[in-house]
């Protein structure tokens, strides 16, 4: 599991991209921890924990 701190706009963009299921599957994500590249086609889940700071996102892959 990968846990990143991102702006809420980035979290919305990532989840919106998953729902749309279009375009290239690789994308970069700018987070407080650095720049990360993820393959959205390999994601098993994206977790947006309730009650935490906005923009805290967890990713899980296969």
PDB file of N, CA and C in Angstrom:
ATOM      1  N   UNK A   1       0.839  -1.180   0.000  1.00  0.00           N
ATOM      2  CA  UNK A   1       0.000   0.000   0.000  1.00  0.00           C
ATOM      3  C   UNK A   1       0.879   1.235   0.000  1.00  0.00           C
ATOM      4  N   UNK A   2       0.455   2.233  -0.722  1.00  0.00           N
ATOM      5  CA  UNK A   2       1.139   3.516  -0.807  1.00  0.00           C
ATOM      6  C   UNK A   2       0.202   4.567  -0.261  1.00  0.00           C
ATOM      7  N   UNK A   3       0.694   5.400   0.656  1.00  0.00           N
ATOM      8  CA  UNK A   3      -0.135   6.457   1.236  1.00  0.00           C
ATOM      9  C   UNK A   3       0.514   7.799   0.954  1.00  0.00           C
ATOM     10  N   UNK A   4      -0.248   8.698   0.311  1.00  0.00           N
ATOM     11  CA  UNK A   4       0.263  10.004  -0.082  1.00  0.00           C
ATOM     12  C   UNK A   4      -0.619  11.111   0.476  1.00  0.00           C
ATOM     13  N   UNK A   5      -0.030  12.277   0.637  1.00  0.00           N
ATOM     14  CA  UNK A   5      -0.784  13.463   1.015  1.00  0.00           C
ATOM     15  C   UNK A   5      -0.821  14.387  -0.193  1.00  0.00           C
ATOM     16  N   UNK A   6      -2.013  14.611  -0.728  1.00  0.00           N
ATOM     17  CA  UNK A   6      -2.173  15.419  -1.932  1.00  0.00           C
ATOM     18  C   UNK A   6      -3.250  16.469  -1.707  1.00  0.00           C
ATOM     19  N   UNK A   7      -3.271  17.482  -2.580  1.00  0.00           N
ATOM     20  CA  UNK A   7      -4.350  18.457  -2.560  1.00  0.00           C
ATOM     21  C   UNK A   7      -5.658  17.749  -2.893  1.00  0.00           C
ATOM     22  N   UNK A   8      -6.758  18.266  -2.386  1.00  0.00           N
ATOM     23  CA  UNK A   8      -8.054  17.637  -2.662  1.00  0.00           C
ATOM     24  C   UNK A   8      -8.350  17.625  -4.163  1.00  0.00           C
ATOM     25  N   UNK A   9      -7.846  18.615  -4.904  1.00  0.00           N
ATOM     26  CA  UNK A   9      -8.047  18.644  -6.365  1.00  0.00           C
ATOM     27  C   UNK A   9      -7.365  17.446  -7.025  1.00  0.00           C
ATOM     28  N   UNK A  10      -6.183  17.067  -6.536  1.00  0.00           N
ATOM     29  CA  UNK A  10      -5.474  15.899  -7.082  1.00  0.00           C
ATOM     30  C   UNK A  10      -6.251  14.632  -6.771  1.00  0.00           C
ATOM     31  N   UNK A  11      -6.757  14.510  -5.551  1.00  0.00           N
ATOM     32  CA  UNK A  11      -7.556  13.333  -5.180  1.00  0.00           C
ATOM     33  C   UNK A  11      -8.790  13.227  -6.076  1.00  0.00           C
ATOM     34  N   UNK A  12      -9.446  14.350  -6.329  1.00  0.00           N
ATOM     35  CA  UNK A  12     -10.617  14.350  -7.216  1.00  0.00           C
ATOM     36  C   UNK A  12     -10.237  13.948  -8.638  1.00  0.00           C
ATOM     37  N   UNK A  13      -9.086  14.423  -9.106  1.00  0.00           N
ATOM     38  CA  UNK A  13      -8.627  14.105 -10.457  1.00  0.00           C
ATOM     39  C   UNK A  13      -8.334  12.612 -10.597  1.00  0.00           C
ATOM     40  N   UNK A  14      -7.687  12.030  -9.599  1.00  0.00           N
ATOM     41  CA  UNK A  14      -7.360  10.601  -9.639  1.00  0.00           C
ATOM     42  C   UNK A  14      -8.630   9.760  -9.635  1.00  0.00           C
ATOM     43  N   UNK A  15      -9.532  10.040  -8.716  1.00  0.00           N
ATOM     44  CA  UNK A  15     -10.755   9.240  -8.649  1.00  0.00           C
ATOM     45  C   UNK A  15     -11.634   9.469  -9.873  1.00  0.00           C
ATOM     46  N   UNK A  16     -11.647  10.695 -10.408  1.00  0.00           N
ATOM     47  CA  UNK A  16     -12.398  10.966 -11.629  1.00  0.00           C
ATOM     48  C   UNK A  16     -11.835  10.206 -12.812  1.00  0.00           C
ATOM     49  N   UNK A  17     -10.513  10.090 -12.879  1.00  0.00           N
ATOM     50  CA  UNK A  17      -9.863   9.338 -13.946  1.00  0.00           C
ATOM     51  C   UNK A  17     -10.173   7.857 -13.877  1.00  0.00           C
ATOM     52  N   UNK A  18     -10.329   7.330 -12.660  1.00  0.00           N
ATOM     53  CA  UNK A  18     -10.681   5.920 -12.513  1.00  0.00           C
ATOM     54  C   UNK A  18     -12.101   5.663 -12.980  1.00  0.00           C
ATOM     55  N   UNK A  19     -13.003   6.572 -12.642  1.00  0.00           N
ATOM     56  CA  UNK A  19     -14.400   6.411 -13.038  1.00  0.00           C
ATOM     57  C   UNK A  19     -14.561   6.506 -14.547  1.00  0.00           C
ATOM     58  N   UNK A  20     -13.769   7.380 -15.179  1.00  0.00           N
ATOM     59  CA  UNK A  20     -13.886   7.585 -16.621  1.00  0.00           C
ATOM     60  C   UNK A  20     -13.301   6.419 -17.404  1.00  0.00           C
ATOM     61  N   UNK A  21     -12.271   5.762 -16.832  1.00  0.00           N
ATOM     62  CA  UNK A  21     -11.637   4.611 -17.479  1.00  0.00           C
ATOM     63  C   UNK A  21     -11.235   4.914 -18.921  1.00  0.00           C
ATOM     64  N   UNK A  22     -10.473   6.002 -19.106  1.00  0.00           N
ATOM     65  CA  UNK A  22     -10.051   6.392 -20.451  1.00  0.00           C
ATOM     66  C   UNK A  22      -8.612   6.906 -20.416  1.00  0.00           C
ATOM     67  N   UNK A  23      -8.020   7.002 -21.585  1.00  0.00           N
ATOM     68  CA  UNK A  23      -6.689   7.573 -21.706  1.00  0.00           C
ATOM     69  C   UNK A  23      -5.598   6.644 -21.203  1.00  0.00           C
ATOM     70  N   UNK A  24      -4.358   7.161 -21.184  1.00  0.00           N
ATOM     71  CA  UNK A  24      -3.224   6.345 -20.745  1.00  0.00           C
ATOM     72  C   UNK A  24      -3.377   5.962 -19.276  1.00  0.00           C
ATOM     73  N   UNK A  25      -2.902   4.768 -18.940  1.00  0.00           N
ATOM     74  CA  UNK A  25      -3.079   4.314 -17.566  1.00  0.00           C
ATOM     75  C   UNK A  25      -1.996   4.849 -16.625  1.00  0.00           C
ATOM     76  N   UNK A  26      -0.846   5.266 -17.158  1.00  0.00           N
ATOM     77  CA  UNK A  26       0.205   5.824 -16.312  1.00  0.00           C
ATOM     78  C   UNK A  26      -0.037   7.306 -16.080  1.00  0.00           C
ATOM     79  N   UNK A  27       0.132   7.744 -14.855  1.00  0.00           N
ATOM     80  CA  UNK A  27      -0.011   9.156 -14.535  1.00  0.00           C
ATOM     81  C   UNK A  27       0.900   9.520 -13.380  1.00  0.00           C
ATOM     82  N   UNK A  28       1.295  10.779 -13.333  1.00  0.00           N
ATOM     83  CA  UNK A  28       2.108  11.241 -12.211  1.00  0.00           C
ATOM     84  C   UNK A  28       1.200  11.894 -11.182  1.00  0.00           C
ATOM     85  N   UNK A  29       1.608  11.789  -9.937  1.00  0.00           N
ATOM     86  CA  UNK A  29       0.886  12.417  -8.837  1.00  0.00           C
ATOM     87  C   UNK A  29       1.894  13.206  -8.020  1.00  0.00           C
ATOM     88  N   UNK A  30       1.627  14.493  -7.878  1.00  0.00           N
ATOM     89  CA  UNK A  30       2.457  15.357  -7.052  1.00  0.00           C
ATOM     90  C   UNK A  30       1.910  15.309  -5.629  1.00  0.00           C
ATOM     91  N   UNK A  31       2.743  14.899  -4.684  1.00  0.00           N
ATOM     92  CA  UNK A  31       2.334  14.780  -3.291  1.00  0.00           C
ATOM     93  C   UNK A  31       3.367  15.455  -2.402  1.00  0.00           C
ATOM     94  N   UNK A  32       3.024  15.651  -1.136  1.00  0.00           N
ATOM     95  CA  UNK A  32       3.984  16.229  -0.191  1.00  0.00           C
ATOM     96  C   UNK A  32       5.248  15.376  -0.107  1.00  0.00           C
ATOM     97  N   UNK A  33       5.100  14.075  -0.305  1.00  0.00           N
ATOM     98  CA  UNK A  33       6.211  13.142  -0.200  1.00  0.00           C
ATOM     99  C   UNK A  33       7.077  13.084  -1.450  1.00  0.00           C
ATOM    100  N   UNK A  34       6.664  13.731  -2.539  1.00  0.00           N
ATOM    101  CA  UNK A  34       7.421  13.731  -3.789  1.00  0.00           C
ATOM    102  C   UNK A  34       6.510  13.468  -4.973  1.00  0.00           C
ATOM    103  N   UNK A  35       7.112  13.162  -6.124  1.00  0.00           N
ATOM    104  CA  UNK A  35       6.355  12.831  -7.329  1.00  0.00           C
ATOM    105  C   UNK A  35       6.318  11.319  -7.478  1.00  0.00           C
ATOM    106  N   UNK A  36       5.143  10.792  -7.718  1.00  0.00           N
ATOM    107  CA  UNK A  36       4.951   9.353  -7.866  1.00  0.00           C
ATOM    108  C   UNK A  36       4.273   9.078  -9.189  1.00  0.00           C
ATOM    109  N   UNK A  37       4.677   8.003  -9.843  1.00  0.00           N
ATOM    110  CA  UNK A  37       4.027   7.529 -11.055  1.00  0.00           C
ATOM    111  C   UNK A  37       3.264   6.273 -10.704  1.00  0.00           C
ATOM    112  N   UNK A  38       1.987   6.233 -11.082  1.00  0.00           N
ATOM    113  CA  UNK A  38       1.183   5.038 -10.821  1.00  0.00           C
ATOM    114  C   UNK A  38       0.560   4.566 -12.124  1.00  0.00           C
ATOM    115  N   UNK A  39       0.351   3.273 -12.212  1.00  0.00           N
ATOM    116  CA  UNK A  39      -0.350   2.670 -13.341  1.00  0.00           C
ATOM    117  C   UNK A  39      -1.782   2.442 -12.878  1.00  0.00           C
ATOM    118  N   UNK A  40      -2.687   3.328 -13.302  1.00  0.00           N
ATOM    119  CA  UNK A  40      -4.075   3.234 -12.857  1.00  0.00           C
ATOM    120  C   UNK A  40      -4.722   1.914 -13.252  1.00  0.00           C
ATOM    121  N   UNK A  41      -4.236   1.288 -14.326  1.00  0.00           N
ATOM    122  CA  UNK A  41      -4.780   0.005 -14.754  1.00  0.00           C
ATOM    123  C   UNK A  41      -4.457  -1.127 -13.797  1.00  0.00           C
ATOM    124  N   UNK A  42      -3.456  -0.936 -12.944  1.00  0.00           N
ATOM    125  CA  UNK A  42      -3.059  -1.963 -11.988  1.00  0.00           C
ATOM    126  C   UNK A  42      -3.605  -1.713 -10.581  1.00  0.00           C
ATOM    127  N   UNK A  43      -4.293  -0.593 -10.386  1.00  0.00           N
ATOM    128  CA  UNK A  43      -4.826  -0.291  -9.064  1.00  0.00           C
ATOM    129  C   UNK A  43      -5.951  -1.242  -8.700  1.00  0.00           C
ATOM    130  N   UNK A  44      -5.914  -1.704  -7.479  1.00  0.00           N
ATOM    131  CA  UNK A  44      -6.989  -2.523  -6.959  1.00  0.00           C
ATOM    132  C   UNK A  44      -7.964  -1.629  -6.207  1.00  0.00           C
ATOM    133  N   UNK A  45      -7.438  -0.620  -5.504  1.00  0.00           N
ATOM    134  CA  UNK A  45      -8.315   0.311  -4.809  1.00  0.00           C
ATOM    135  C   UNK A  45      -7.613   1.646  -4.568  1.00  0.00           C
ATOM    136  N   UNK A  46      -8.428   2.677  -4.339  1.00  0.00           N
ATOM    137  CA  UNK A  46      -7.973   3.988  -3.886  1.00  0.00           C
ATOM    138  C   UNK A  46      -8.782   4.278  -2.639  1.00  0.00           C
ATOM    139  N   UNK A  47      -8.115   4.573  -1.542  1.00  0.00           N
ATOM    140  CA  UNK A  47      -8.790   4.804  -0.269  1.00  0.00           C
ATOM    141  C   UNK A  47      -8.707   6.277   0.101  1.00  0.00           C
ATOM    142  N   UNK A  48      -9.867   6.875   0.388  1.00  0.00           N
ATOM    143  CA  UNK A  48      -9.955   8.244   0.860  1.00  0.00           C
ATOM    144  C   UNK A  48     -10.495   8.164   2.286  1.00  0.00           C
ATOM    145  N   UNK A  49      -9.604   8.093   3.285  1.00  0.00           N
ATOM    146  CA  UNK A  49     -10.041   7.864   4.665  1.00  0.00           C
ATOM    147  C   UNK A  49     -10.907   8.992   5.212  1.00  0.00           C
ATOM    148  N   UNK A  50     -12.020   8.635   5.831  1.00  0.00           N
ATOM    149  CA  UNK A  50     -12.867   9.653   6.455  1.00  0.00           C
ATOM    150  C   UNK A  50     -12.222  10.162   7.739  1.00  0.00           C
ATOM    151  N   UNK A  51     -12.485  11.405   8.049  1.00  0.00           N
ATOM    152  CA  UNK A  51     -11.995  11.964   9.315  1.00  0.00           C
ATOM    153  C   UNK A  51     -10.543  12.362   9.329  1.00  0.00           C
ATOM    154  N   UNK A  52      -9.829  12.204   8.228  1.00  0.00           N
ATOM    155  CA  UNK A  52      -8.428  12.621   8.166  1.00  0.00           C
ATOM    156  C   UNK A  52      -8.340  13.913   7.373  1.00  0.00           C
ATOM    157  N   UNK A  53      -7.159  14.464   7.351  1.00  0.00           N
ATOM    158  CA  UNK A  53      -6.938  15.711   6.619  1.00  0.00           C
ATOM    159  C   UNK A  53      -7.365  15.523   5.157  1.00  0.00           C
ATOM    160  N   UNK A  54      -8.033  16.513   4.573  1.00  0.00           N
ATOM    161  CA  UNK A  54      -8.398  16.400   3.155  1.00  0.00           C
ATOM    162  C   UNK A  54      -7.155  16.147   2.304  1.00  0.00           C
ATOM    163  N   UNK A  55      -7.308  15.239   1.360  1.00  0.00           N
ATOM    164  CA  UNK A  55      -6.205  14.959   0.463  1.00  0.00           C
ATOM    165  C   UNK A  55      -5.346  13.775   0.865  1.00  0.00           C
ATOM    166  N   UNK A  56      -5.659  13.107   1.964  1.00  0.00           N
ATOM    167  CA  UNK A  56      -4.904  11.906   2.336  1.00  0.00           C
ATOM    168  C   UNK A  56      -5.459  10.758   1.515  1.00  0.00           C
ATOM    169  N   UNK A  57      -4.631  10.112   0.721  1.00  0.00           N
ATOM    170  CA  UNK A  57      -5.072   9.081  -0.213  1.00  0.00           C
ATOM    171  C   UNK A  57      -4.221   7.837  -0.041  1.00  0.00           C
ATOM    172  N   UNK A  58      -4.837   6.665  -0.050  1.00  0.00           N
ATOM    173  CA  UNK A  58      -4.114   5.396  -0.024  1.00  0.00           C
ATOM    174  C   UNK A  58      -4.367   4.647  -1.320  1.00  0.00           C
ATOM    175  N   UNK A  59      -3.323   4.040  -1.890  1.00  0.00           N
ATOM    176  CA  UNK A  59      -3.450   3.275  -3.133  1.00  0.00           C
ATOM    177  C   UNK A  59      -3.042   1.839  -2.858  1.00  0.00           C
ATOM    178  N   UNK A  60      -3.735   0.903  -3.455  1.00  0.00           N
ATOM    179  CA  UNK A  60      -3.353  -0.500  -3.357  1.00  0.00           C
ATOM    180  C   UNK A  60      -3.288  -1.102  -4.735  1.00  0.00           C
ATOM    181  N   UNK A  61      -2.277  -1.906  -4.983  1.00  0.00           N
ATOM    182  CA  UNK A  61      -2.117  -2.514  -6.292  1.00  0.00           C
ATOM    183  C   UNK A  61      -2.109  -4.024  -6.215  1.00  0.00           C
ATOM    184  N   UNK A  62      -2.099  -4.633  -7.376  1.00  0.00           N
ATOM    185  CA  UNK A  62      -2.079  -6.090  -7.420  1.00  0.00           C
ATOM    186  C   UNK A  62      -0.667  -6.615  -7.351  1.00  0.00           C
TER     187      UNK A  62
END
